[in-house]
Amino acid sequence: MYDVVINRDVKLQDLVSIINHKKQVLRENAAFMGRTLDEWKIDVSVETTWLRQHLQPGSCMFVAIYDGQVIGMLGFLRNERARYKHGG
């Protein structure tokens, strides 16, 4: 039997699962992430804005889904400065 992981573009409906994933990562890897879960102030409107930025042209985010939950993500935000618009 194989574990199934689905990789796809992010959707706004993924927000709750992404927040839960971020919590888990901060619990397990606070030293690597540079902050603890206690230091992260969860604000749904800020997280929604952050996610919407990844849906804009030139930016993207991919999520890995397992058993209906986000277990990984990779995102690129396009820089608005003309000199850096080519990079992610």
Protein backbone atom coordinates (compact mmCIF):
# COMPACT_ATOMS: atom_id res chain seq x y z
CA MET A 1 0.00 0.00 0.00
CA TYR A 2 1.28 3.45 -0.90
CA ASP A 3 0.83 6.72 0.92
CA VAL A 4 -0.76 9.30 -1.35
CA VAL A 5 0.45 12.88 -1.26
CA ILE A 6 -1.21 15.33 -3.60
CA ASN A 7 0.72 18.40 -4.71
CA ARG A 8 -1.27 21.26 -6.20
CA ASP A 9 -1.72 25.02 -6.37
CA VAL A 10 -2.91 26.60 -3.16
CA LYS A 11 -6.54 27.70 -2.71
CA LEU A 12 -8.08 30.16 -0.26
CA GLN A 13 -9.95 27.21 1.23
CA ASP A 14 -6.57 25.85 2.40
CA LEU A 15 -6.09 28.68 4.90
CA VAL A 16 -7.15 26.81 8.05
CA SER A 17 -5.05 23.79 7.12
CA ILE A 18 -2.06 26.06 6.36
CA ILE A 19 -2.38 27.75 9.76
CA ASN A 20 -2.50 24.33 11.43
CA HIS A 21 0.56 23.25 9.45
CA LYS A 22 2.45 26.39 10.49
CA LYS A 23 1.58 25.70 14.13
CA GLN A 24 2.92 22.16 13.83
CA VAL A 25 6.13 23.29 12.16
CA LEU A 26 6.74 25.94 14.83
CA ARG A 27 6.11 23.39 17.59
CA GLU A 28 8.57 20.94 16.08
CA ASN A 29 11.22 23.28 14.62
CA ALA A 30 11.15 26.60 16.50
CA ALA A 31 14.95 26.92 16.53
CA PHE A 32 15.18 26.40 12.77
CA MET A 33 12.24 28.69 12.03
CA GLY A 34 13.61 31.56 14.11
CA ARG A 35 10.56 31.93 16.34
CA THR A 36 8.36 29.89 18.63
CA LEU A 37 4.67 29.21 18.39
CA ASP A 38 4.16 31.61 21.31
CA GLU A 39 5.87 34.38 19.35
CA TRP A 40 3.62 33.93 16.31
CA LYS A 41 0.52 36.06 16.66
CA ILE A 42 -2.10 34.29 14.58
CA ASP A 43 -4.23 36.85 12.76
CA VAL A 44 -6.58 35.34 10.19
CA SER A 45 -6.86 38.60 8.23
CA VAL A 46 -3.06 38.86 7.97
CA GLU A 47 -2.80 35.21 6.94
CA THR A 48 -5.56 35.71 4.36
CA THR A 49 -3.73 38.70 2.88
CA TRP A 50 -0.48 36.70 2.80
CA LEU A 51 -2.21 33.82 1.02
CA ARG A 52 -3.93 36.15 -1.48
CA GLN A 53 -0.52 37.62 -2.37
CA HIS A 54 0.55 34.16 -3.49
CA LEU A 55 -2.46 34.01 -5.83
CA GLN A 56 -1.43 37.15 -7.72
CA PRO A 57 0.15 36.97 -11.19
CA GLY A 58 3.88 36.33 -10.93
CA SER A 59 3.60 34.69 -7.50
CA CYS A 60 2.61 31.16 -6.58
CA MET A 61 2.28 28.65 -3.79
CA PHE A 62 2.07 24.89 -3.93
CA VAL A 63 0.81 22.69 -1.12
CA ALA A 64 1.36 19.03 -0.35
CA ILE A 65 -1.84 17.38 0.89
CA TYR A 66 -2.03 14.12 2.81
CA ASP A 67 -5.26 12.76 4.26
CA GLY A 68 -6.96 16.09 3.49
CA GLN A 69 -4.45 18.21 5.42
CA VAL A 70 -1.58 20.45 4.32
CA ILE A 71 1.70 18.75 5.23
CA GLY A 72 4.03 20.99 3.24
CA MET A 73 4.10 24.15 1.18
CA LEU A 74 6.40 26.07 -1.11
CA GLY A 75 5.72 29.65 -2.12
CA PHE A 76 7.21 32.42 -4.19
CA LEU A 77 6.21 36.08 -3.96
CA ARG A 78 7.13 38.34 -6.84
CA ASN A 79 9.00 41.41 -5.74
CA GLU A 80 7.27 44.65 -6.70
CA ARG A 81 10.55 46.49 -7.21
CA ALA A 82 11.26 46.65 -10.95
CA ARG A 83 14.85 45.55 -10.48
CA TYR A 84 13.80 42.29 -8.80
CA LYS A 85 10.54 41.40 -10.58
CA HIS A 86 12.23 38.56 -12.45
CA GLY A 87 12.91 36.61 -9.23
CA GLY A 88 10.71 34.76 -6.80
